[in-house]
Structure formats: C-alpha cells, structure tokens
Amino acid sequence: LVSFATTATVPHIADRSLIQSGSTILHVSLRDFAP
C-alpha cells in the first residue's frame, strides 16, 4: 500500500517489475507513471 504525493510533472516510473503483485497505489500526484 503506497501513496504517491510528489511534484512530478512528467512520468518517471516505467518499470512494471517495481510494483508488487496485489499492490494498491494511491496516485495522488497523478503524473508519476508512464503509460
């Protein structure tokens, strides 16, 4: 269970293997993840 609240304006995370199976991501900052 992870909360993102950064000041990112463009995606900076593109490696899917970083995220564990069953994770819940609270993507509050909205722009951290690549498509």
PDB file of all heavy atoms in Angstrom:
ATOM      1  N   LEU A   1       0.870  -1.173   0.000  1.00  0.00           N
ATOM      2  CA  LEU A   1       0.000   0.000   0.000  1.00  0.00           C
ATOM      3  C   LEU A   1       0.908   1.225   0.000  1.00  0.00           C
ATOM      4  O   LEU A   1       1.650   1.460   0.964  1.00  0.00           O
ATOM      5  CB  LEU A   1      -0.921   0.014   1.223  1.00  0.00           C
ATOM      6  CG  LEU A   1      -1.840   1.228   1.373  1.00  0.00           C
ATOM      7  CD1 LEU A   1      -2.749   1.391   0.148  1.00  0.00           C
ATOM      8  CD2 LEU A   1      -2.662   1.138   2.651  1.00  0.00           C
ATOM      9  N   VAL A   2       0.866   1.991  -1.085  1.00  0.00           N
ATOM     10  CA  VAL A   2       1.825   3.080  -1.287  1.00  0.00           C
ATOM     11  C   VAL A   2       1.094   4.335  -1.732  1.00  0.00           C
ATOM     12  O   VAL A   2       0.215   4.283  -2.604  1.00  0.00           O
ATOM     13  CB  VAL A   2       2.883   2.701  -2.342  1.00  0.00           C
ATOM     14  CG1 VAL A   2       3.889   3.843  -2.538  1.00  0.00           C
ATOM     15  CG2 VAL A   2       3.611   1.416  -1.942  1.00  0.00           C
ATOM     16  N   SER A   3       1.462   5.459  -1.138  1.00  0.00           N
ATOM     17  CA  SER A   3       0.883   6.749  -1.508  1.00  0.00           C
ATOM     18  C   SER A   3       1.935   7.620  -2.195  1.00  0.00           C
ATOM     19  O   SER A   3       3.003   7.878  -1.636  1.00  0.00           O
ATOM     20  CB  SER A   3       0.350   7.473  -0.264  1.00  0.00           C
ATOM     21  OG  SER A   3      -0.106   8.772  -0.605  1.00  0.00           O
ATOM     22  N   PHE A   4       1.612   8.059  -3.413  1.00  0.00           N
ATOM     23  CA  PHE A   4       2.450   8.993  -4.169  1.00  0.00           C
ATOM     24  C   PHE A   4       1.861  10.394  -4.057  1.00  0.00           C
ATOM     25  O   PHE A   4       0.732  10.634  -4.507  1.00  0.00           O
ATOM     26  CB  PHE A   4       2.494   8.611  -5.653  1.00  0.00           C
ATOM     27  CG  PHE A   4       3.462   7.519  -6.008  1.00  0.00           C
ATOM     28  CD1 PHE A   4       3.151   6.189  -5.749  1.00  0.00           C
ATOM     29  CD2 PHE A   4       4.671   7.816  -6.617  1.00  0.00           C
ATOM     30  CE1 PHE A   4       4.035   5.178  -6.090  1.00  0.00           C
ATOM     31  CE2 PHE A   4       5.558   6.819  -6.959  1.00  0.00           C
ATOM     32  CZ  PHE A   4       5.246   5.491  -6.689  1.00  0.00           C
ATOM     33  N   ALA A   5       2.611  11.310  -3.490  1.00  0.00           N
ATOM     34  CA  ALA A   5       2.224  12.727  -3.470  1.00  0.00           C
ATOM     35  C   ALA A   5       3.487  13.532  -3.737  1.00  0.00           C
ATOM     36  O   ALA A   5       4.101  14.104  -2.833  1.00  0.00           O
ATOM     37  CB  ALA A   5       1.585  13.108  -2.145  1.00  0.00           C
ATOM     38  N   THR A   6       3.902  13.541  -4.994  1.00  0.00           N
ATOM     39  CA  THR A   6       5.133  14.206  -5.412  1.00  0.00           C
ATOM     40  C   THR A   6       4.777  15.477  -6.184  1.00  0.00           C
ATOM     41  O   THR A   6       3.609  15.810  -6.381  1.00  0.00           O
ATOM     42  CB  THR A   6       5.967  13.285  -6.315  1.00  0.00           C
ATOM     43  OG1 THR A   6       5.321  13.191  -7.600  1.00  0.00           O
ATOM     44  CG2 THR A   6       6.091  11.887  -5.718  1.00  0.00           C
ATOM     45  N   THR A   7       5.804  16.173  -6.650  1.00  0.00           N
ATOM     46  CA  THR A   7       5.601  17.340  -7.507  1.00  0.00           C
ATOM     47  C   THR A   7       5.938  17.011  -8.957  1.00  0.00           C
ATOM     48  O   THR A   7       6.195  17.911  -9.763  1.00  0.00           O
ATOM     49  CB  THR A   7       6.454  18.529  -7.033  1.00  0.00           C
ATOM     50  OG1 THR A   7       7.838  18.137  -7.006  1.00  0.00           O
ATOM     51  CG2 THR A   7       6.030  18.980  -5.638  1.00  0.00           C
ATOM     52  N   ALA A   8       5.936  15.732  -9.309  1.00  0.00           N
ATOM     53  CA  ALA A   8       6.278  15.308 -10.674  1.00  0.00           C
ATOM     54  C   ALA A   8       5.307  15.902 -11.692  1.00  0.00           C
ATOM     55  O   ALA A   8       4.095  15.908 -11.486  1.00  0.00           O
ATOM     56  CB  ALA A   8       6.265  13.793 -10.777  1.00  0.00           C
ATOM     57  N   THR A   9       5.850  16.400 -12.794  1.00  0.00           N
ATOM     58  CA  THR A   9       5.025  16.930 -13.885  1.00  0.00           C
ATOM     59  C   THR A   9       5.049  16.025 -15.111  1.00  0.00           C
ATOM     60  O   THR A   9       4.230  16.193 -16.021  1.00  0.00           O
ATOM     61  CB  THR A   9       5.502  18.337 -14.283  1.00  0.00           C
ATOM     62  OG1 THR A   9       6.883  18.281 -14.658  1.00  0.00           O
ATOM     63  CG2 THR A   9       5.335  19.311 -13.127  1.00  0.00           C
ATOM     64  N   VAL A  10       5.995  15.084 -15.148  1.00  0.00           N
ATOM     65  CA  VAL A  10       6.070  14.112 -16.249  1.00  0.00           C
ATOM     66  C   VAL A  10       6.346  12.740 -15.638  1.00  0.00           C
ATOM     67  O   VAL A  10       6.922  12.629 -14.543  1.00  0.00           O
ATOM     68  CB  VAL A  10       7.186  14.476 -17.259  1.00  0.00           C
ATOM     69  CG1 VAL A  10       6.855  15.777 -17.962  1.00  0.00           C
ATOM     70  CG2 VAL A  10       8.547  14.570 -16.574  1.00  0.00           C
ATOM     71  N   PRO A  11       5.957  11.651 -16.329  1.00  0.00           N
ATOM     72  CA  PRO A  11       6.193  10.309 -15.791  1.00  0.00           C
ATOM     73  C   PRO A  11       7.668  10.022 -15.560  1.00  0.00           C
ATOM     74  O   PRO A  11       8.515  10.397 -16.371  1.00  0.00           O
ATOM     75  CB  PRO A  11       5.623   9.402 -16.885  1.00  0.00           C
ATOM     76  CG  PRO A  11       4.625  10.240 -17.599  1.00  0.00           C
ATOM     77  CD  PRO A  11       5.189  11.628 -17.589  1.00  0.00           C
ATOM     78  N   HIS A  12       7.956   9.348 -14.451  1.00  0.00           N
ATOM     79  CA  HIS A  12       9.343   8.994 -14.137  1.00  0.00           C
ATOM     80  C   HIS A  12       9.476   7.543 -13.680  1.00  0.00           C
ATOM     81  O   HIS A  12      10.579   7.107 -13.319  1.00  0.00           O
ATOM     82  CB  HIS A  12       9.912   9.932 -13.057  1.00  0.00           C
ATOM     83  CG  HIS A  12       9.098   9.962 -11.781  1.00  0.00           C
ATOM     84  ND1 HIS A  12       9.446   9.257 -10.665  1.00  0.00           N
ATOM     85  CD2 HIS A  12       7.954  10.615 -11.484  1.00  0.00           C
ATOM     86  CE1 HIS A  12       8.552   9.473  -9.716  1.00  0.00           C
ATOM     87  NE2 HIS A  12       7.632  10.297 -10.175  1.00  0.00           N
ATOM     88  N   ILE A  13       8.371   6.801 -13.703  1.00  0.00           N
ATOM     89  CA  ILE A  13       8.399   5.382 -13.335  1.00  0.00           C
ATOM     90  C   ILE A  13       7.841   4.587 -14.509  1.00  0.00           C
ATOM     91  O   ILE A  13       6.669   4.742 -14.875  1.00  0.00           O
ATOM     92  CB  ILE A  13       7.574   5.112 -12.073  1.00  0.00           C
ATOM     93  CG1 ILE A  13       8.125   5.929 -10.899  1.00  0.00           C
ATOM     94  CG2 ILE A  13       7.592   3.629 -11.719  1.00  0.00           C
ATOM     95  CD1 ILE A  13       7.253   5.878  -9.671  1.00  0.00           C
ATOM     96  N   ALA A  14       8.684   3.747 -15.087  1.00  0.00           N
ATOM     97  CA  ALA A  14       8.280   2.983 -16.279  1.00  0.00           C
ATOM     98  C   ALA A  14       8.506   1.488 -16.137  1.00  0.00           C
ATOM     99  O   ALA A  14       8.103   0.722 -17.013  1.00  0.00           O
ATOM    100  CB  ALA A  14       9.024   3.504 -17.507  1.00  0.00           C
ATOM    101  N   ASP A  15       9.123   1.058 -15.046  1.00  0.00           N
ATOM    102  CA  ASP A  15       9.459  -0.353 -14.857  1.00  0.00           C
ATOM    103  C   ASP A  15       8.354  -1.048 -14.070  1.00  0.00           C
ATOM    104  O   ASP A  15       8.226  -0.863 -12.860  1.00  0.00           O
ATOM    105  CB  ASP A  15      10.802  -0.465 -14.123  1.00  0.00           C
ATOM    106  CG  ASP A  15      11.285  -1.906 -13.991  1.00  0.00           C
ATOM    107  OD1 ASP A  15      10.535  -2.834 -14.388  1.00  0.00           O
ATOM    108  OD2 ASP A  15      12.410  -2.096 -13.483  1.00  0.00           O
ATOM    109  N   ARG A  16       7.543  -1.852 -14.756  1.00  0.00           N
ATOM    110  CA  ARG A  16       6.427  -2.543 -14.114  1.00  0.00           C
ATOM    111  C   ARG A  16       6.886  -3.501 -13.026  1.00  0.00           C
ATOM    112  O   ARG A  16       6.151  -3.736 -12.042  1.00  0.00           O
ATOM    113  CB  ARG A  16       5.637  -3.297 -15.198  1.00  0.00           C
ATOM    114  CG  ARG A  16       4.654  -4.332 -14.705  1.00  0.00           C
ATOM    115  CD  ARG A  16       3.515  -3.726 -13.907  1.00  0.00           C
ATOM    116  NE  ARG A  16       2.604  -4.742 -13.450  1.00  0.00           N
ATOM    117  CZ  ARG A  16       2.788  -5.485 -12.361  1.00  0.00           C
ATOM    118  NH1 ARG A  16       3.853  -5.316 -11.597  1.00  0.00           N
ATOM    119  NH2 ARG A  16       1.889  -6.390 -12.012  1.00  0.00           N
ATOM    120  N   SER A  17       8.094  -4.034 -13.151  1.00  0.00           N
ATOM    121  CA  SER A  17       8.568  -5.010 -12.168  1.00  0.00           C
ATOM    122  C   SER A  17       8.779  -4.398 -10.794  1.00  0.00           C
ATOM    123  O   SER A  17       8.927  -5.121  -9.803  1.00  0.00           O
ATOM    124  CB  SER A  17       9.871  -5.661 -12.654  1.00  0.00           C
ATOM    125  OG  SER A  17      10.926  -4.721 -12.667  1.00  0.00           O
ATOM    126  N   LEU A  18       8.788  -3.071 -10.702  1.00  0.00           N
ATOM    127  CA  LEU A  18       8.965  -2.425  -9.400  1.00  0.00           C
ATOM    128  C   LEU A  18       7.766  -2.646  -8.483  1.00  0.00           C
ATOM    129  O   LEU A  18       7.899  -2.647  -7.266  1.00  0.00           O
ATOM    130  CB  LEU A  18       9.171  -0.921  -9.590  1.00  0.00           C
ATOM    131  CG  LEU A  18      10.445  -0.443 -10.288  1.00  0.00           C
ATOM    132  CD1 LEU A  18      10.439   1.068 -10.404  1.00  0.00           C
ATOM    133  CD2 LEU A  18      11.678  -0.920  -9.539  1.00  0.00           C
ATOM    134  N   ILE A  19       6.587  -2.820  -9.068  1.00  0.00           N
ATOM    135  CA  ILE A  19       5.345  -2.871  -8.285  1.00  0.00           C
ATOM    136  C   ILE A  19       4.989  -4.316  -7.960  1.00  0.00           C
ATOM    137  O   ILE A  19       4.862  -5.155  -8.852  1.00  0.00           O
ATOM    138  CB  ILE A  19       4.204  -2.199  -9.055  1.00  0.00           C
ATOM    139  CG1 ILE A  19       4.579  -0.755  -9.413  1.00  0.00           C
ATOM    140  CG2 ILE A  19       2.918  -2.220  -8.236  1.00  0.00           C
ATOM    141  CD1 ILE A  19       3.551  -0.054 -10.283  1.00  0.00           C
ATOM    142  N   GLN A  20       4.815  -4.595  -6.693  1.00  0.00           N
ATOM    143  CA  GLN A  20       4.474  -5.947  -6.264  1.00  0.00           C
ATOM    144  C   GLN A  20       3.056  -6.331  -6.695  1.00  0.00           C
ATOM    145  O   GLN A  20       2.165  -5.486  -6.810  1.00  0.00           O
ATOM    146  CB  GLN A  20       4.534  -6.043  -4.741  1.00  0.00           C
ATOM    147  CG  GLN A  20       5.904  -5.852  -4.123  1.00  0.00           C
ATOM    148  CD  GLN A  20       5.843  -6.127  -2.634  1.00  0.00           C
ATOM    149  OE1 GLN A  20       5.594  -7.265  -2.204  1.00  0.00           O
ATOM    150  NE2 GLN A  20       6.048  -5.107  -1.825  1.00  0.00           N
ATOM    151  N   SER A  21       2.855  -7.608  -6.911  1.00  0.00           N
ATOM    152  CA  SER A  21       1.503  -8.119  -7.141  1.00  0.00           C
ATOM    153  C   SER A  21       0.624  -7.802  -5.944  1.00  0.00           C
ATOM    154  O   SER A  21       1.061  -7.881  -4.791  1.00  0.00           O
ATOM    155  CB  SER A  21       1.538  -9.633  -7.364  1.00  0.00           C
ATOM    156  OG  SER A  21       2.254  -9.956  -8.537  1.00  0.00           O
ATOM    157  N   GLY A  22      -0.610  -7.414  -6.223  1.00  0.00           N
ATOM    158  CA  GLY A  22      -1.548  -7.114  -5.146  1.00  0.00           C
ATOM    159  C   GLY A  22      -1.381  -5.743  -4.536  1.00  0.00           C
ATOM    160  O   GLY A  22      -2.057  -5.426  -3.550  1.00  0.00           O
ATOM    161  N   SER A  23      -0.532  -4.917  -5.113  1.00  0.00           N
ATOM    162  CA  SER A  23      -0.314  -3.578  -4.563  1.00  0.00           C
ATOM    163  C   SER A  23      -1.515  -2.680  -4.812  1.00  0.00           C
ATOM    164  O   SER A  23      -2.261  -2.837  -5.786  1.00  0.00           O
ATOM    165  CB  SER A  23       0.922  -2.936  -5.186  1.00  0.00           C
ATOM    166  OG  SER A  23       2.108  -3.561  -4.758  1.00  0.00           O
ATOM    167  N   THR A  24      -1.692  -1.725  -3.911  1.00  0.00           N
ATOM    168  CA  THR A  24      -2.643  -0.636  -4.095  1.00  0.00           C
ATOM    169  C   THR A  24      -1.860   0.665  -4.070  1.00  0.00           C
ATOM    170  O   THR A  24      -1.191   0.972  -3.080  1.00  0.00           O
ATOM    171  CB  THR A  24      -3.711  -0.620  -2.983  1.00  0.00           C
ATOM    172  OG1 THR A  24      -4.401  -1.875  -2.981  1.00  0.00           O
ATOM    173  CG2 THR A  24      -4.693   0.516  -3.196  1.00  0.00           C
ATOM    174  N   ILE A  25      -1.927   1.404  -5.174  1.00  0.00           N
ATOM    175  CA  ILE A  25      -1.178   2.653  -5.305  1.00  0.00           C
ATOM    176  C   ILE A  25      -2.157   3.813  -5.240  1.00  0.00           C
ATOM    177  O   ILE A  25      -3.080   3.914  -6.060  1.00  0.00           O
ATOM    178  CB  ILE A  25      -0.402   2.711  -6.641  1.00  0.00           C
ATOM    179  CG1 ILE A  25       0.476   1.464  -6.809  1.00  0.00           C
ATOM    180  CG2 ILE A  25       0.412   3.992  -6.716  1.00  0.00           C
ATOM    181  CD1 ILE A  25       1.570   1.324  -5.796  1.00  0.00           C
ATOM    182  N   LEU A  26      -1.964   4.689  -4.266  1.00  0.00           N
ATOM    183  CA  LEU A  26      -2.743   5.921  -4.164  1.00  0.00           C
ATOM    184  C   LEU A  26      -1.976   6.988  -4.934  1.00  0.00           C
ATOM    185  O   LEU A  26      -1.051   7.600  -4.415  1.00  0.00           O
ATOM    186  CB  LEU A  26      -2.920   6.303  -2.694  1.00  0.00           C
ATOM    187  CG  LEU A  26      -3.459   5.188  -1.778  1.00  0.00           C
ATOM    188  CD1 LEU A  26      -3.458   5.637  -0.324  1.00  0.00           C
ATOM    189  CD2 LEU A  26      -4.853   4.742  -2.222  1.00  0.00           C
ATOM    190  N   HIS A  27      -2.358   7.180  -6.189  1.00  0.00           N
ATOM    191  CA  HIS A  27      -1.582   8.024  -7.113  1.00  0.00           C
ATOM    192  C   HIS A  27      -2.101   9.461  -7.053  1.00  0.00           C
ATOM    193  O   HIS A  27      -2.628  10.003  -8.032  1.00  0.00           O
ATOM    194  CB  HIS A  27      -1.686   7.452  -8.526  1.00  0.00           C
ATOM    195  CG  HIS A  27      -0.745   8.068  -9.498  1.00  0.00           C
ATOM    196  ND1 HIS A  27      -0.955   8.025 -10.860  1.00  0.00           N
ATOM    197  CD2 HIS A  27       0.409   8.748  -9.323  1.00  0.00           C
ATOM    198  CE1 HIS A  27       0.026   8.653 -11.482  1.00  0.00           C
ATOM    199  NE2 HIS A  27       0.866   9.100 -10.566  1.00  0.00           N
ATOM    200  N   VAL A  28      -1.905  10.084  -5.904  1.00  0.00           N
ATOM    201  CA  VAL A  28      -2.467  11.410  -5.655  1.00  0.00           C
ATOM    202  C   VAL A  28      -1.826  12.463  -6.551  1.00  0.00           C
ATOM    203  O   VAL A  28      -2.493  13.410  -6.986  1.00  0.00           O
ATOM    204  CB  VAL A  28      -2.315  11.769  -4.161  1.00  0.00           C
ATOM    205  CG1 VAL A  28      -2.824  13.171  -3.872  1.00  0.00           C
ATOM    206  CG2 VAL A  28      -3.045  10.744  -3.291  1.00  0.00           C
ATOM    207  N   SER A  29      -0.548  12.308  -6.847  1.00  0.00           N
ATOM    208  CA  SER A  29       0.152  13.308  -7.662  1.00  0.00           C
ATOM    209  C   SER A  29      -0.080  13.130  -9.157  1.00  0.00           C
ATOM    210  O   SER A  29       0.311  14.004  -9.948  1.00  0.00           O
ATOM    211  CB  SER A  29       1.646  13.331  -7.332  1.00  0.00           C
ATOM    212  OG  SER A  29       2.176  12.043  -7.129  1.00  0.00           O
ATOM    213  N   LEU A  30      -0.657  12.030  -9.579  1.00  0.00           N
ATOM    214  CA  LEU A  30      -1.284  11.853 -10.898  1.00  0.00           C
ATOM    215  C   LEU A  30      -0.355  11.690 -12.094  1.00  0.00           C
ATOM    216  O   LEU A  30      -0.791  11.215 -13.137  1.00  0.00           O
ATOM    217  CB  LEU A  30      -2.235  13.030 -11.203  1.00  0.00           C
ATOM    218  CG  LEU A  30      -3.496  13.109 -10.361  1.00  0.00           C
ATOM    219  CD1 LEU A  30      -4.218  14.436 -10.626  1.00  0.00           C
ATOM    220  CD2 LEU A  30      -4.424  11.955 -10.669  1.00  0.00           C
ATOM    221  N   ARG A  31       0.916  12.070 -11.988  1.00  0.00           N
ATOM    222  CA  ARG A  31       1.762  12.124 -13.185  1.00  0.00           C
ATOM    223  C   ARG A  31       3.064  11.340 -13.026  1.00  0.00           C
ATOM    224  O   ARG A  31       4.026  11.585 -13.749  1.00  0.00           O
ATOM    225  CB  ARG A  31       2.065  13.581 -13.547  1.00  0.00           C
ATOM    226  CG  ARG A  31       0.808  14.371 -13.890  1.00  0.00           C
ATOM    227  CD  ARG A  31       1.055  15.858 -14.027  1.00  0.00           C
ATOM    228  NE  ARG A  31      -0.189  16.552 -14.385  1.00  0.00           N
ATOM    229  CZ  ARG A  31      -1.109  16.960 -13.510  1.00  0.00           C
ATOM    230  NH1 ARG A  31      -0.913  16.746 -12.204  1.00  0.00           N
ATOM    231  NH2 ARG A  31      -2.216  17.567 -13.906  1.00  0.00           N
ATOM    232  N   ASP A  32       3.107  10.398 -12.113  1.00  0.00           N
ATOM    233  CA  ASP A  32       4.352   9.674 -11.831  1.00  0.00           C
ATOM    234  C   ASP A  32       4.581   8.490 -12.767  1.00  0.00           C
ATOM    235  O   ASP A  32       5.727   8.120 -13.009  1.00  0.00           O
ATOM    236  CB  ASP A  32       4.344   9.177 -10.376  1.00  0.00           C
ATOM    237  CG  ASP A  32       4.265  10.320  -9.379  1.00  0.00           C
ATOM    238  OD1 ASP A  32       5.312  10.864  -9.023  1.00  0.00           O
ATOM    239  OD2 ASP A  32       3.139  10.678  -8.979  1.00  0.00           O
ATOM    240  N   PHE A  33       3.515   7.883 -13.295  1.00  0.00           N
ATOM    241  CA  PHE A  33       3.645   6.615 -14.009  1.00  0.00           C
ATOM    242  C   PHE A  33       3.572   6.779 -15.521  1.00  0.00           C
ATOM    243  O   PHE A  33       2.726   7.513 -16.041  1.00  0.00           O
ATOM    244  CB  PHE A  33       2.564   5.638 -13.558  1.00  0.00           C
ATOM    245  CG  PHE A  33       2.709   5.205 -12.124  1.00  0.00           C
ATOM    246  CD1 PHE A  33       1.826   5.648 -11.156  1.00  0.00           C
ATOM    247  CD2 PHE A  33       3.745   4.370 -11.745  1.00  0.00           C
ATOM    248  CE1 PHE A  33       1.966   5.262  -9.840  1.00  0.00           C
ATOM    249  CE2 PHE A  33       3.899   3.970 -10.426  1.00  0.00           C
ATOM    250  CZ  PHE A  33       3.010   4.414  -9.471  1.00  0.00           C
ATOM    251  N   ALA A  34       4.455   6.056 -16.213  1.00  0.00           N
ATOM    252  CA  ALA A  34       4.440   6.008 -17.670  1.00  0.00           C
ATOM    253  C   ALA A  34       3.221   5.208 -18.137  1.00  0.00           C
ATOM    254  O   ALA A  34       2.670   4.393 -17.388  1.00  0.00           O
ATOM    255  CB  ALA A  34       5.729   5.365 -18.184  1.00  0.00           C
ATOM    256  N   PRO A  35       2.801   5.415 -19.391  1.00  0.00           N
ATOM    257  CA  PRO A  35       1.590   4.739 -19.883  1.00  0.00           C
ATOM    258  C   PRO A  35       1.619   3.225 -19.737  1.00  0.00           C
ATOM    259  O   PRO A  35       0.581   2.615 -19.438  1.00  0.00           O
ATOM    260  CB  PRO A  35       1.541   5.165 -21.356  1.00  0.00           C
ATOM    261  CG  PRO A  35       2.236   6.472 -21.392  1.00  0.00           C
ATOM    262  CD  PRO A  35       3.329   6.377 -20.360  1.00  0.00           C
TER     263      PRO A  35
END
